[in-house]
Amino acid sequence: MLSPNVGDYKYAHHDNYHLKKGELVDFHCPLCGIDLSSLKHKEQAMILMVNEEDRSEFELYFSKVAGNNSTYIVSNEKVESFGEDALDYEDLNFDFT
């Protein structure tokens, strides 16, 4: 279980389950089971989010690589990056269309 706070990379897991640094992890929605893998970036998961205040939509990307602390919020031709491993968004080629 991941922290719901952007930029917080703590997670809870069963004691018998351990991730190796660099391991590629699959993420699924806990409610419907859909695969959260990004179609644009194979090493990232993506969740389409809706702002509760103004109902605007944005994409939340986070690394699927164990030990990689990088998260990106992409909306309206703007990218915000979080985490010590975050790259310059220009290197990721986010598509704003």
PDB file of N, CA and C in Angstrom:
ATOM      1  N   MET A   1       0.852  -1.170   0.000  1.00  0.00           N
ATOM      2  CA  MET A   1       0.000   0.000   0.000  1.00  0.00           C
ATOM      3  C   MET A   1       0.897   1.233   0.000  1.00  0.00           C
ATOM      4  N   LEU A   2       0.622   2.118  -0.942  1.00  0.00           N
ATOM      5  CA  LEU A   2       1.416   3.333  -1.096  1.00  0.00           C
ATOM      6  C   LEU A   2       0.826   4.482  -0.302  1.00  0.00           C
ATOM      7  N   SER A   3       1.684   5.398   0.076  1.00  0.00           N
ATOM      8  CA  SER A   3       1.202   6.623   0.713  1.00  0.00           C
ATOM      9  C   SER A   3       0.417   7.427  -0.324  1.00  0.00           C
ATOM     10  N   PRO A   4      -0.693   8.053   0.058  1.00  0.00           N
ATOM     11  CA  PRO A   4      -1.464   8.865  -0.884  1.00  0.00           C
ATOM     12  C   PRO A   4      -0.881  10.270  -1.077  1.00  0.00           C
ATOM     13  N   ASN A   5       0.173  10.594  -0.346  1.00  0.00           N
ATOM     14  CA  ASN A   5       0.764  11.931  -0.423  1.00  0.00           C
ATOM     15  C   ASN A   5       1.850  11.992  -1.487  1.00  0.00           C
ATOM     16  N   VAL A   6       1.712  12.929  -2.409  1.00  0.00           N
ATOM     17  CA  VAL A   6       2.699  13.095  -3.484  1.00  0.00           C
ATOM     18  C   VAL A   6       4.055  13.412  -2.876  1.00  0.00           C
ATOM     19  N   GLY A   7       5.076  12.691  -3.302  1.00  0.00           N
ATOM     20  CA  GLY A   7       6.426  12.900  -2.806  1.00  0.00           C
ATOM     21  C   GLY A   7       6.770  12.099  -1.566  1.00  0.00           C
ATOM     22  N   ASP A   8       5.818  11.346  -1.029  1.00  0.00           N
ATOM     23  CA  ASP A   8       6.063  10.472   0.116  1.00  0.00           C
ATOM     24  C   ASP A   8       6.213   9.055  -0.433  1.00  0.00           C
ATOM     25  N   TYR A   9       7.381   8.469  -0.277  1.00  0.00           N
ATOM     26  CA  TYR A   9       7.659   7.179  -0.898  1.00  0.00           C
ATOM     27  C   TYR A   9       7.617   6.009   0.080  1.00  0.00           C
ATOM     28  N   LYS A  10       7.012   6.219   1.237  1.00  0.00           N
ATOM     29  CA  LYS A  10       6.833   5.122   2.187  1.00  0.00           C
ATOM     30  C   LYS A  10       5.697   4.224   1.707  1.00  0.00           C
ATOM     31  N   TYR A  11       5.788   2.968   2.033  1.00  0.00           N
ATOM     32  CA  TYR A  11       4.716   2.032   1.685  1.00  0.00           C
ATOM     33  C   TYR A  11       4.664   0.926   2.726  1.00  0.00           C
ATOM     34  N   ALA A  12       3.517   0.304   2.834  1.00  0.00           N
ATOM     35  CA  ALA A  12       3.316  -0.826   3.740  1.00  0.00           C
ATOM     36  C   ALA A  12       3.224  -2.104   2.911  1.00  0.00           C
ATOM     37  N   HIS A  13       3.768  -3.181   3.443  1.00  0.00           N
ATOM     38  CA  HIS A  13       3.722  -4.455   2.725  1.00  0.00           C
ATOM     39  C   HIS A  13       3.742  -5.607   3.727  1.00  0.00           C
ATOM     40  N   HIS A  14       3.379  -6.773   3.252  1.00  0.00           N
ATOM     41  CA  HIS A  14       3.405  -7.978   4.075  1.00  0.00           C
ATOM     42  C   HIS A  14       4.860  -8.291   4.424  1.00  0.00           C
ATOM     43  N   ASP A  15       5.097  -8.793   5.627  1.00  0.00           N
ATOM     44  CA  ASP A  15       6.449  -9.088   6.091  1.00  0.00           C
ATOM     45  C   ASP A  15       7.195 -10.085   5.208  1.00  0.00           C
ATOM     46  N   ASN A  16       6.495 -10.967   4.529  1.00  0.00           N
ATOM     47  CA  ASN A  16       7.136 -11.974   3.676  1.00  0.00           C
ATOM     48  C   ASN A  16       7.422 -11.467   2.263  1.00  0.00           C
ATOM     49  N   TYR A  17       7.077 -10.238   1.977  1.00  0.00           N
ATOM     50  CA  TYR A  17       7.232  -9.702   0.629  1.00  0.00           C
ATOM     51  C   TYR A  17       8.267  -8.588   0.646  1.00  0.00           C
ATOM     52  N   HIS A  18       9.329  -8.739  -0.138  1.00  0.00           N
ATOM     53  CA  HIS A  18      10.397  -7.743  -0.180  1.00  0.00           C
ATOM     54  C   HIS A  18      10.727  -7.400  -1.628  1.00  0.00           C
ATOM     55  N   LEU A  19      10.943  -6.126  -1.885  1.00  0.00           N
ATOM     56  CA  LEU A  19      11.314  -5.667  -3.217  1.00  0.00           C
ATOM     57  C   LEU A  19      12.821  -5.447  -3.273  1.00  0.00           C
ATOM     58  N   LYS A  20      13.415  -5.807  -4.400  1.00  0.00           N
ATOM     59  CA  LYS A  20      14.840  -5.543  -4.614  1.00  0.00           C
ATOM     60  C   LYS A  20      14.971  -4.204  -5.327  1.00  0.00           C
ATOM     61  N   LYS A  21      15.937  -3.408  -4.925  1.00  0.00           N
ATOM     62  CA  LYS A  21      16.163  -2.120  -5.563  1.00  0.00           C
ATOM     63  C   LYS A  21      16.377  -2.335  -7.057  1.00  0.00           C
ATOM     64  N   GLY A  22      15.675  -1.581  -7.875  1.00  0.00           N
ATOM     65  CA  GLY A  22      15.766  -1.693  -9.324  1.00  0.00           C
ATOM     66  C   GLY A  22      14.741  -2.621  -9.946  1.00  0.00           C
ATOM     67  N   GLU A  23      14.041  -3.402  -9.123  1.00  0.00           N
ATOM     68  CA  GLU A  23      13.020  -4.326  -9.607  1.00  0.00           C
ATOM     69  C   GLU A  23      11.839  -3.540 -10.187  1.00  0.00           C
ATOM     70  N   LEU A  24      11.340  -3.959 -11.340  1.00  0.00           N
ATOM     71  CA  LEU A  24      10.170  -3.326 -11.949  1.00  0.00           C
ATOM     72  C   LEU A  24       8.912  -3.919 -11.317  1.00  0.00           C
ATOM     73  N   VAL A  25       8.064  -3.047 -10.775  1.00  0.00           N
ATOM     74  CA  VAL A  25       6.888  -3.460 -10.014  1.00  0.00           C
ATOM     75  C   VAL A  25       5.621  -3.141 -10.820  1.00  0.00           C
ATOM     76  N   ASP A  26       4.658  -4.037 -10.807  1.00  0.00           N
ATOM     77  CA  ASP A  26       3.363  -3.777 -11.431  1.00  0.00           C
ATOM     78  C   ASP A  26       2.420  -3.211 -10.391  1.00  0.00           C
ATOM     79  N   PHE A  27       1.651  -2.193 -10.772  1.00  0.00           N
ATOM     80  CA  PHE A  27       0.663  -1.586  -9.884  1.00  0.00           C
ATOM     81  C   PHE A  27      -0.725  -1.770 -10.478  1.00  0.00           C
ATOM     82  N   HIS A  28      -1.695  -2.068  -9.614  1.00  0.00           N
ATOM     83  CA  HIS A  28      -3.080  -2.250 -10.020  1.00  0.00           C
ATOM     84  C   HIS A  28      -3.992  -1.477  -9.078  1.00  0.00           C
ATOM     85  N   CYS A  29      -5.129  -1.027  -9.588  1.00  0.00           N
ATOM     86  CA  CYS A  29      -6.110  -0.343  -8.760  1.00  0.00           C
ATOM     87  C   CYS A  29      -6.632  -1.330  -7.711  1.00  0.00           C
ATOM     88  N   PRO A  30      -6.646  -0.924  -6.430  1.00  0.00           N
ATOM     89  CA  PRO A  30      -7.137  -1.850  -5.403  1.00  0.00           C
ATOM     90  C   PRO A  30      -8.643  -2.082  -5.470  1.00  0.00           C
ATOM     91  N   LEU A  31      -9.366  -1.224  -6.184  1.00  0.00           N
ATOM     92  CA  LEU A  31     -10.821  -1.387  -6.278  1.00  0.00           C
ATOM     93  C   LEU A  31     -11.242  -2.208  -7.484  1.00  0.00           C
ATOM     94  N   CYS A  32     -10.706  -1.871  -8.656  1.00  0.00           N
ATOM     95  CA  CYS A  32     -11.166  -2.552  -9.872  1.00  0.00           C
ATOM     96  C   CYS A  32     -10.130  -3.494 -10.479  1.00  0.00           C
ATOM     97  N   GLY A  33      -8.884  -3.415 -10.015  1.00  0.00           N
ATOM     98  CA  GLY A  33      -7.849  -4.325 -10.493  1.00  0.00           C
ATOM     99  C   GLY A  33      -7.169  -3.920 -11.788  1.00  0.00           C
ATOM    100  N   ILE A  34      -7.534  -2.776 -12.382  1.00  0.00           N
ATOM    101  CA  ILE A  34      -6.939  -2.373 -13.654  1.00  0.00           C
ATOM    102  C   ILE A  34      -5.445  -2.096 -13.491  1.00  0.00           C
ATOM    103  N   ASP A  35      -4.672  -2.467 -14.507  1.00  0.00           N
ATOM    104  CA  ASP A  35      -3.232  -2.229 -14.536  1.00  0.00           C
ATOM    105  C   ASP A  35      -2.992  -0.721 -14.652  1.00  0.00           C
ATOM    106  N   LEU A  36      -2.153  -0.154 -13.797  1.00  0.00           N
ATOM    107  CA  LEU A  36      -1.890   1.276 -13.797  1.00  0.00           C
ATOM    108  C   LEU A  36      -0.663   1.662 -14.622  1.00  0.00           C
ATOM    109  N   SER A  37      -0.113   0.728 -15.394  1.00  0.00           N
ATOM    110  CA  SER A  37       1.055   1.035 -16.213  1.00  0.00           C
ATOM    111  C   SER A  37       0.736   2.137 -17.206  1.00  0.00           C
ATOM    112  N   SER A  38       1.665   3.087 -17.326  1.00  0.00           N
ATOM    113  CA  SER A  38       1.520   4.162 -18.294  1.00  0.00           C
ATOM    114  C   SER A  38       1.682   3.607 -19.700  1.00  0.00           C
ATOM    115  N   LEU A  39       0.851   4.043 -20.610  1.00  0.00           N
ATOM    116  CA  LEU A  39       0.992   3.640 -22.011  1.00  0.00           C
ATOM    117  C   LEU A  39       2.119   4.412 -22.689  1.00  0.00           C
ATOM    118  N   LYS A  40       2.503   5.554 -22.102  1.00  0.00           N
ATOM    119  CA  LYS A  40       3.521   6.429 -22.698  1.00  0.00           C
ATOM    120  C   LYS A  40       4.930   6.135 -22.185  1.00  0.00           C
ATOM    121  N   HIS A  41       5.047   5.707 -20.940  1.00  0.00           N
ATOM    122  CA  HIS A  41       6.346   5.520 -20.305  1.00  0.00           C
ATOM    123  C   HIS A  41       6.362   4.185 -19.579  1.00  0.00           C
ATOM    124  N   LYS A  42       7.075   3.199 -20.121  1.00  0.00           N
ATOM    125  CA  LYS A  42       6.994   1.822 -19.623  1.00  0.00           C
ATOM    126  C   LYS A  42       7.456   1.637 -18.185  1.00  0.00           C
ATOM    127  N   GLU A  43       8.296   2.520 -17.658  1.00  0.00           N
ATOM    128  CA  GLU A  43       8.775   2.370 -16.292  1.00  0.00           C
ATOM    129  C   GLU A  43       8.002   3.246 -15.315  1.00  0.00           C
ATOM    130  N   GLN A  44       6.809   3.695 -15.730  1.00  0.00           N
ATOM    131  CA  GLN A  44       5.989   4.517 -14.846  1.00  0.00           C
ATOM    132  C   GLN A  44       4.553   4.014 -14.818  1.00  0.00           C
ATOM    133  N   ALA A  45       3.917   4.259 -13.688  1.00  0.00           N
ATOM    134  CA  ALA A  45       2.478   4.026 -13.553  1.00  0.00           C
ATOM    135  C   ALA A  45       1.803   5.383 -13.707  1.00  0.00           C
ATOM    136  N   MET A  46       0.530   5.393 -14.103  1.00  0.00           N
ATOM    137  CA  MET A  46      -0.189   6.650 -14.289  1.00  0.00           C
ATOM    138  C   MET A  46      -1.611   6.503 -13.776  1.00  0.00           C
ATOM    139  N   ILE A  47      -2.045   7.543 -13.063  1.00  0.00           N
ATOM    140  CA  ILE A  47      -3.420   7.607 -12.572  1.00  0.00           C
ATOM    141  C   ILE A  47      -4.012   8.919 -13.044  1.00  0.00           C
ATOM    142  N   LEU A  48      -5.182   8.872 -13.688  1.00  0.00           N
ATOM    143  CA  LEU A  48      -5.896  10.088 -14.075  1.00  0.00           C
ATOM    144  C   LEU A  48      -6.635  10.577 -12.842  1.00  0.00           C
ATOM    145  N   MET A  49      -6.359  11.815 -12.435  1.00  0.00           N
ATOM    146  CA  MET A  49      -6.913  12.374 -11.201  1.00  0.00           C
ATOM    147  C   MET A  49      -7.838  13.546 -11.538  1.00  0.00           C
ATOM    148  N   VAL A  50      -8.761  13.850 -10.625  1.00  0.00           N
ATOM    149  CA  VAL A  50      -9.663  14.996 -10.761  1.00  0.00           C
ATOM    150  C   VAL A  50      -9.565  15.826  -9.488  1.00  0.00           C
ATOM    151  N   ASN A  51      -9.281  17.121  -9.653  1.00  0.00           N
ATOM    152  CA  ASN A  51      -9.199  18.045  -8.528  1.00  0.00           C
ATOM    153  C   ASN A  51     -10.600  18.243  -7.961  1.00  0.00           C
ATOM    154  N   GLU A  52     -10.765  18.020  -6.663  1.00  0.00           N
ATOM    155  CA  GLU A  52     -12.087  18.127  -6.030  1.00  0.00           C
ATOM    156  C   GLU A  52     -12.635  19.558  -6.066  1.00  0.00           C
ATOM    157  N   GLU A  53     -11.752  20.557  -6.015  1.00  0.00           N
ATOM    158  CA  GLU A  53     -12.201  21.942  -5.943  1.00  0.00           C
ATOM    159  C   GLU A  53     -12.743  22.473  -7.270  1.00  0.00           C
ATOM    160  N   ASP A  54     -11.975  22.295  -8.344  1.00  0.00           N
ATOM    161  CA  ASP A  54     -12.394  22.890  -9.620  1.00  0.00           C
ATOM    162  C   ASP A  54     -12.706  21.860 -10.708  1.00  0.00           C
ATOM    163  N   ARG A  55     -12.632  20.562 -10.354  1.00  0.00           N
ATOM    164  CA  ARG A  55     -12.945  19.452 -11.267  1.00  0.00           C
ATOM    165  C   ARG A  55     -11.971  19.358 -12.452  1.00  0.00           C
ATOM    166  N   SER A  56     -10.818  20.025 -12.371  1.00  0.00           N
ATOM    167  CA  SER A  56      -9.821  19.926 -13.440  1.00  0.00           C
ATOM    168  C   SER A  56      -9.148  18.556 -13.364  1.00  0.00           C
ATOM    169  N   GLU A  57      -8.729  18.062 -14.520  1.00  0.00           N
ATOM    170  CA  GLU A  57      -8.090  16.754 -14.595  1.00  0.00           C
ATOM    171  C   GLU A  57      -6.584  16.907 -14.720  1.00  0.00           C
ATOM    172  N   PHE A  58      -5.856  15.942 -14.162  1.00  0.00           N
ATOM    173  CA  PHE A  58      -4.406  15.897 -14.334  1.00  0.00           C
ATOM    174  C   PHE A  58      -3.965  14.446 -14.261  1.00  0.00           C
ATOM    175  N   GLU A  59      -2.776  14.198 -14.802  1.00  0.00           N
ATOM    176  CA  GLU A  59      -2.210  12.859 -14.776  1.00  0.00           C
ATOM    177  C   GLU A  59      -1.121  12.811 -13.710  1.00  0.00           C
ATOM    178  N   LEU A  60      -1.145  11.770 -12.898  1.00  0.00           N
ATOM    179  CA  LEU A  60      -0.145  11.552 -11.864  1.00  0.00           C
ATOM    180  C   LEU A  60       0.697  10.347 -12.285  1.00  0.00           C
ATOM    181  N   TYR A  61       1.976  10.572 -12.539  1.00  0.00           N
ATOM    182  CA  TYR A  61       2.898   9.510 -12.924  1.00  0.00           C
ATOM    183  C   TYR A  61       3.828   9.222 -11.754  1.00  0.00           C
ATOM    184  N   PHE A  62       4.158   7.940 -11.541  1.00  0.00           N
ATOM    185  CA  PHE A  62       5.168   7.602 -10.545  1.00  0.00           C
ATOM    186  C   PHE A  62       5.941   6.376 -11.025  1.00  0.00           C
ATOM    187  N   SER A  63       7.180   6.293 -10.570  1.00  0.00           N
ATOM    188  CA  SER A  63       8.079   5.244 -11.027  1.00  0.00           C
ATOM    189  C   SER A  63       7.614   3.868 -10.587  1.00  0.00           C
ATOM    190  N   LYS A  64       7.766   2.903 -11.493  1.00  0.00           N
ATOM    191  CA  LYS A  64       7.490   1.502 -11.182  1.00  0.00           C
ATOM    192  C   LYS A  64       8.763   0.769 -10.772  1.00  0.00           C
ATOM    193  N   VAL A  65       9.882   1.486 -10.726  1.00  0.00           N
ATOM    194  CA  VAL A  65      11.162   0.887 -10.376  1.00  0.00           C
ATOM    195  C   VAL A  65      11.371   1.001  -8.868  1.00  0.00           C
ATOM    196  N   ALA A  66      11.510  -0.127  -8.196  1.00  0.00           N
ATOM    197  CA  ALA A  66      11.687  -0.131  -6.740  1.00  0.00           C
ATOM    198  C   ALA A  66      12.917   0.687  -6.363  1.00  0.00           C
ATOM    199  N   GLY A  67      12.726   1.598  -5.417  1.00  0.00           N
ATOM    200  CA  GLY A  67      13.813   2.440  -4.952  1.00  0.00           C
ATOM    201  C   GLY A  67      13.980   3.735  -5.720  1.00  0.00           C
ATOM    202  N   ASN A  68      13.227   3.906  -6.813  1.00  0.00           N
ATOM    203  CA  ASN A  68      13.299   5.154  -7.586  1.00  0.00           C
ATOM    204  C   ASN A  68      12.216   6.088  -7.075  1.00  0.00           C
ATOM    205  N   ASN A  69      12.618   7.204  -6.499  1.00  0.00           N
ATOM    206  CA  ASN A  69      11.677   8.164  -5.922  1.00  0.00           C
ATOM    207  C   ASN A  69      11.440   9.306  -6.903  1.00  0.00           C
ATOM    208  N   SER A  70      10.482   9.106  -7.783  1.00  0.00           N
ATOM    209  CA  SER A  70      10.134  10.153  -8.755  1.00  0.00           C
ATOM    210  C   SER A  70       8.644  10.119  -9.043  1.00  0.00           C
ATOM    211  N   THR A  71       8.044  11.299  -9.019  1.00  0.00           N
ATOM    212  CA  THR A  71       6.615  11.476  -9.266  1.00  0.00           C
ATOM    213  C   THR A  71       6.435  12.732 -10.089  1.00  0.00           C
ATOM    214  N   TYR A  72       5.458  12.719 -11.005  1.00  0.00           N
ATOM    215  CA  TYR A  72       5.191  13.867 -11.875  1.00  0.00           C
ATOM    216  C   TYR A  72       3.695  14.124 -11.939  1.00  0.00           C
ATOM    217  N   ILE A  73       3.316  15.376 -11.801  1.00  0.00           N
ATOM    218  CA  ILE A  73       1.930  15.790 -12.013  1.00  0.00           C
ATOM    219  C   ILE A  73       1.920  16.578 -13.315  1.00  0.00           C
ATOM    220  N   VAL A  74       1.110  16.108 -14.277  1.00  0.00           N
ATOM    221  CA  VAL A  74       1.066  16.713 -15.602  1.00  0.00           C
ATOM    222  C   VAL A  74      -0.336  17.256 -15.850  1.00  0.00           C
ATOM    223  N   SER A  75      -0.422  18.577 -16.095  1.00  0.00           N
ATOM    224  CA  SER A  75      -1.717  19.190 -16.380  1.00  0.00           C
ATOM    225  C   SER A  75      -1.518  20.490 -17.153  1.00  0.00           C
ATOM    226  N   ASN A  76      -2.401  20.736 -18.098  1.00  0.00           N
ATOM    227  CA  ASN A  76      -2.435  22.009 -18.814  1.00  0.00           C
ATOM    228  C   ASN A  76      -1.055  22.515 -19.222  1.00  0.00           C
ATOM    229  N   GLU A  77      -0.298  21.666 -19.878  1.00  0.00           N
ATOM    230  CA  GLU A  77       1.034  22.010 -20.371  1.00  0.00           C
ATOM    231  C   GLU A  77       1.998  22.392 -19.253  1.00  0.00           C
ATOM    232  N   LYS A  78       1.771  21.869 -18.065  1.00  0.00           N
ATOM    233  CA  LYS A  78       2.625  22.135 -16.912  1.00  0.00           C
ATOM    234  C   LYS A  78       2.996  20.798 -16.278  1.00  0.00           C
ATOM    235  N   VAL A  79       4.255  20.672 -15.872  1.00  0.00           N
ATOM    236  CA  VAL A  79       4.712  19.468 -15.192  1.00  0.00           C
ATOM    237  C   VAL A  79       5.362  19.870 -13.879  1.00  0.00           C
ATOM    238  N   GLU A  80       4.926  19.221 -12.792  1.00  0.00           N
ATOM    239  CA  GLU A  80       5.571  19.388 -11.500  1.00  0.00           C
ATOM    240  C   GLU A  80       6.244  18.071 -11.170  1.00  0.00           C
ATOM    241  N   SER A  81       7.490  18.132 -10.711  1.00  0.00           N
ATOM    242  CA  SER A  81       8.203  16.907 -10.375  1.00  0.00           C
ATOM    243  C   SER A  81       8.504  16.868  -8.885  1.00  0.00           C
ATOM    244  N   PHE A  82       8.538  15.651  -8.346  1.00  0.00           N
ATOM    245  CA  PHE A  82       8.765  15.410  -6.930  1.00  0.00           C
ATOM    246  C   PHE A  82       9.708  14.227  -6.784  1.00  0.00           C
ATOM    247  N   GLY A  83      10.509  14.234  -5.751  1.00  0.00           N
ATOM    248  CA  GLY A  83      11.366  13.102  -5.435  1.00  0.00           C
ATOM    249  C   GLY A  83      12.805  13.310  -5.850  1.00  0.00           C
ATOM    250  N   GLU A  84      13.696  12.680  -5.105  1.00  0.00           N
ATOM    251  CA  GLU A  84      15.128  12.862  -5.334  1.00  0.00           C
ATOM    252  C   GLU A  84      15.600  12.283  -6.663  1.00  0.00           C
ATOM    253  N   ASP A  85      14.844  11.394  -7.273  1.00  0.00           N
ATOM    254  CA  ASP A  85      15.232  10.789  -8.547  1.00  0.00           C
ATOM    255  C   ASP A  85      14.489  11.381  -9.745  1.00  0.00           C
ATOM    256  N   ALA A  86      13.710  12.424  -9.513  1.00  0.00           N
ATOM    257  CA  ALA A  86      12.936  13.037 -10.607  1.00  0.00           C
ATOM    258  C   ALA A  86      13.871  13.666 -11.628  1.00  0.00           C
ATOM    259  N   LEU A  87      13.540  13.458 -12.880  1.00  0.00           N
ATOM    260  CA  LEU A  87      14.297  14.026 -13.986  1.00  0.00           C
ATOM    261  C   LEU A  87      13.644  15.326 -14.438  1.00  0.00           C
ATOM    262  N   ASP A  88      14.378  16.089 -15.206  1.00  0.00           N
ATOM    263  CA  ASP A  88      13.797  17.246 -15.857  1.00  0.00           C
ATOM    264  C   ASP A  88      12.694  16.723 -16.774  1.00  0.00           C
ATOM    265  N   TYR A  89      11.487  17.287 -16.657  1.00  0.00           N
ATOM    266  CA  TYR A  89      10.351  16.772 -17.423  1.00  0.00           C
ATOM    267  C   TYR A  89      10.596  16.767 -18.918  1.00  0.00           C
ATOM    268  N   GLU A  90      11.488  17.635 -19.415  1.00  0.00           N
ATOM    269  CA  GLU A  90      11.765  17.663 -20.853  1.00  0.00           C
ATOM    270  C   GLU A  90      12.387  16.353 -21.316  1.00  0.00           C
ATOM    271  N   ASP A  91      13.097  15.664 -20.425  1.00  0.00           N
ATOM    272  CA  ASP A  91      13.701  14.382 -20.764  1.00  0.00           C
ATOM    273  C   ASP A  91      12.670  13.271 -20.884  1.00  0.00           C
ATOM    274  N   LEU A  92      11.484  13.488 -20.361  1.00  0.00           N
ATOM    275  CA  LEU A  92      10.447  12.456 -20.355  1.00  0.00           C
ATOM    276  C   LEU A  92       9.463  12.588 -21.513  1.00  0.00           C
ATOM    277  N   ASN A  93       9.490  13.705 -22.214  1.00  0.00           N
ATOM    278  CA  ASN A  93       8.618  13.903 -23.378  1.00  0.00           C
ATOM    279  C   ASN A  93       7.142  13.700 -23.073  1.00  0.00           C
ATOM    280  N   PHE A  94       6.632  14.390 -22.057  1.00  0.00           N
ATOM    281  CA  PHE A  94       5.209  14.326 -21.777  1.00  0.00           C
ATOM    282  C   PHE A  94       4.460  14.981 -22.919  1.00  0.00           C
ATOM    283  N   ASP A  95       3.389  14.349 -23.361  1.00  0.00           N
ATOM    284  CA  ASP A  95       2.563  14.848 -24.470  1.00  0.00           C
ATOM    285  C   ASP A  95       1.401  15.631 -23.896  1.00  0.00           C
ATOM    286  N   PHE A  96       1.270  16.880 -24.296  1.00  0.00           N
ATOM    287  CA  PHE A  96       0.214  17.752 -23.768  1.00  0.00           C
ATOM    288  C   PHE A  96      -1.012  17.804 -24.661  1.00  0.00           C
ATOM    289  N   THR A  97      -1.163  16.868 -25.571  1.00  0.00           N
ATOM    290  CA  THR A  97      -2.342  16.895 -26.457  1.00  0.00           C
ATOM    291  C   THR A  97      -3.448  16.055 -25.910  1.00  0.00           C
TER     292      THR A  97
END
